[in-house]
Protein backbone atom coordinates (compact mmCIF):
# COMPACT_ATOMS: atom_id res chain seq x y z
CA UNK A 1 -2.37 0.23 -5.58
CA UNK A 2 -2.82 -2.45 -2.92
CA UNK A 3 -0.08 -3.74 -0.66
CA UNK A 4 0.22 -7.00 1.24
CA UNK A 5 2.95 -7.30 3.83
CA UNK A 6 4.11 -10.55 5.37
CA UNK A 7 7.03 -12.17 7.14
CA UNK A 8 6.82 -10.93 10.70
CA UNK A 9 7.21 -13.10 13.75
CA UNK A 10 9.20 -13.74 16.89
CA UNK A 11 12.99 -13.66 16.69
CA UNK A 12 15.79 -13.57 19.21
CA UNK A 13 18.07 -10.58 19.54
CA UNK A 14 20.87 -10.78 17.00
CA UNK A 15 18.71 -12.73 14.60
CA UNK A 16 17.32 -11.89 11.19
CA UNK A 17 13.93 -11.59 9.55
CA UNK A 18 12.89 -10.80 6.01
CA UNK A 19 9.65 -8.97 5.36
CA UNK A 20 7.88 -8.98 2.02
CA UNK A 21 5.51 -6.44 0.51
CA UNK A 22 3.61 -7.50 -2.59
CA UNK A 23 2.03 -4.74 -4.64
CA UNK A 24 -0.95 -5.15 -6.93
CA UNK A 25 -3.14 -2.89 -9.00
CA UNK A 26 -1.62 0.03 -10.86
CA UNK A 27 1.93 -0.84 -9.88
CA UNK A 28 3.30 1.07 -12.88
CA UNK A 29 2.15 4.27 -11.18
CA UNK A 30 4.28 3.75 -8.07
CA UNK A 31 6.87 6.46 -7.51
CA UNK A 32 8.41 5.09 -4.34
CA UNK A 33 7.81 2.20 -1.98
CA UNK A 34 9.16 1.71 1.48
CA UNK A 35 8.84 0.52 5.01
CA UNK A 36 7.69 2.16 8.22
CA UNK A 37 7.36 0.83 11.72
CA UNK A 38 5.36 1.70 14.80
CA UNK A 39 6.57 0.61 18.19
CA UNK A 40 4.13 0.35 21.11
CA UNK A 41 3.18 3.81 22.32
CA UNK A 42 5.19 5.56 19.63
CA UNK A 43 4.54 7.25 16.33
CA UNK A 44 4.91 5.50 13.01
CA UNK A 45 8.32 6.25 11.54
CA UNK A 46 9.81 5.80 8.11
CA UNK A 47 12.68 3.34 7.89
CA UNK A 48 13.59 3.24 4.24
CA UNK A 49 12.15 3.86 0.81
CA UNK A 50 13.25 2.99 -2.68
CA UNK A 51 12.33 5.12 -5.66
CA UNK A 52 11.73 3.99 -9.22
CA UNK A 53 15.27 5.11 -10.01
CA UNK A 54 16.58 2.76 -7.34
CA UNK A 55 17.66 5.40 -4.89
CA UNK A 56 17.31 4.54 -1.21
CA UNK A 57 17.29 6.51 2.00
CA UNK A 58 17.66 4.74 5.34
CA UNK A 59 16.85 6.01 8.79
CA UNK A 60 19.92 6.21 11.03
CA UNK A 61 18.41 3.67 13.42
CA UNK A 62 18.49 0.90 10.83
CA UNK A 63 21.26 1.93 8.46
CA UNK A 64 23.78 -0.87 8.11
CA UNK A 65 21.43 -3.48 9.57
CA UNK A 66 18.38 -3.33 7.32
CA UNK A 67 18.40 -3.62 3.54
CA UNK A 68 15.58 -2.93 1.13
CA UNK A 69 15.43 -4.75 -2.18
CA UNK A 70 12.88 -5.28 -4.88
CA UNK A 71 11.86 -7.84 -7.43
CA UNK A 72 10.17 -5.93 -10.23
CA UNK A 73 8.98 -9.10 -11.93
CA UNK A 74 7.05 -10.03 -8.79
CA UNK A 75 6.08 -6.47 -7.86
CA UNK A 76 7.50 -7.22 -4.45
CA UNK A 77 9.73 -5.29 -2.12
CA UNK A 78 11.68 -6.93 0.68
CA UNK A 79 13.15 -5.69 3.92
CA UNK A 80 16.03 -7.81 5.18
CA UNK A 81 16.54 -7.09 8.85
CA UNK A 82 19.76 -8.29 10.48
CA UNK A 83 21.30 -7.89 13.91
CA UNK A 84 17.89 -7.31 15.39
CA UNK A 85 17.53 -5.64 18.76
CA UNK A 86 14.66 -5.67 21.24
CA UNK A 87 14.01 -2.03 20.34
CA UNK A 88 13.24 -3.14 16.79
CA UNK A 89 10.04 -4.69 18.13
CA UNK A 90 7.21 -3.00 16.27
CA UNK A 91 4.48 -3.39 13.71
CA UNK A 92 6.05 -2.95 10.30
CA UNK A 93 4.12 -1.40 7.43
CA UNK A 94 4.87 -1.04 3.77
CA UNK A 95 3.85 2.11 1.96
CA UNK A 96 3.68 3.15 -1.66
CA UNK A 97 3.48 6.66 -3.06
CA UNK A 98 1.86 6.66 -6.47
CA UNK A 99 0.22 9.02 -8.87
CA UNK A 100 -2.14 9.16 -11.79
CA UNK A 101 -4.13 11.84 -13.64
CA UNK A 102 -6.14 12.47 -10.48
CA UNK A 103 -3.21 13.34 -8.27
CA UNK A 104 -0.76 11.82 -5.78
CA UNK A 105 -1.78 9.04 -3.41
CA UNK A 106 -0.36 6.90 -0.64
CA UNK A 107 -1.27 3.28 0.01
CA UNK A 108 -0.56 1.26 3.12
CA UNK A 109 -0.38 -2.45 3.65
CA UNK A 110 -1.62 -4.14 6.78
CA UNK A 111 1.09 -4.22 9.36
CA UNK A 112 3.11 -7.25 10.26
CA UNK A 113 4.37 -7.65 13.80
CA UNK A 114 8.04 -8.29 14.52
CA UNK A 115 8.90 -9.16 18.10
CA UNK A 116 12.55 -9.32 19.12
CA UNK A 117 13.21 -11.10 22.39
CA UNK A 118 16.25 -10.40 24.52
């Protein structure tokens, strides 16, 4: 499974950005797909993931402001980010957990930078 993230950029505080993550390869083997972020000098943290059943789990820091959605026909997952704050500035990564007869794997897309100015 390969992932391609896009949509980052510079936005003012209070604004919105939508990130996209396009999956390719053995997309039928994906068990869950989600978003992480890594702020400067900090560890990468999970924000939200969506399972094949549609269940989601949001981190407290983004709950109510960020929304994950997916377009199965396009094999794409989106992260709508509203009411952005300067502390949301980070590199955002999409991640997919998938499995086949060989075992369980995790794929990462290249990060996309979101900068929120005050």
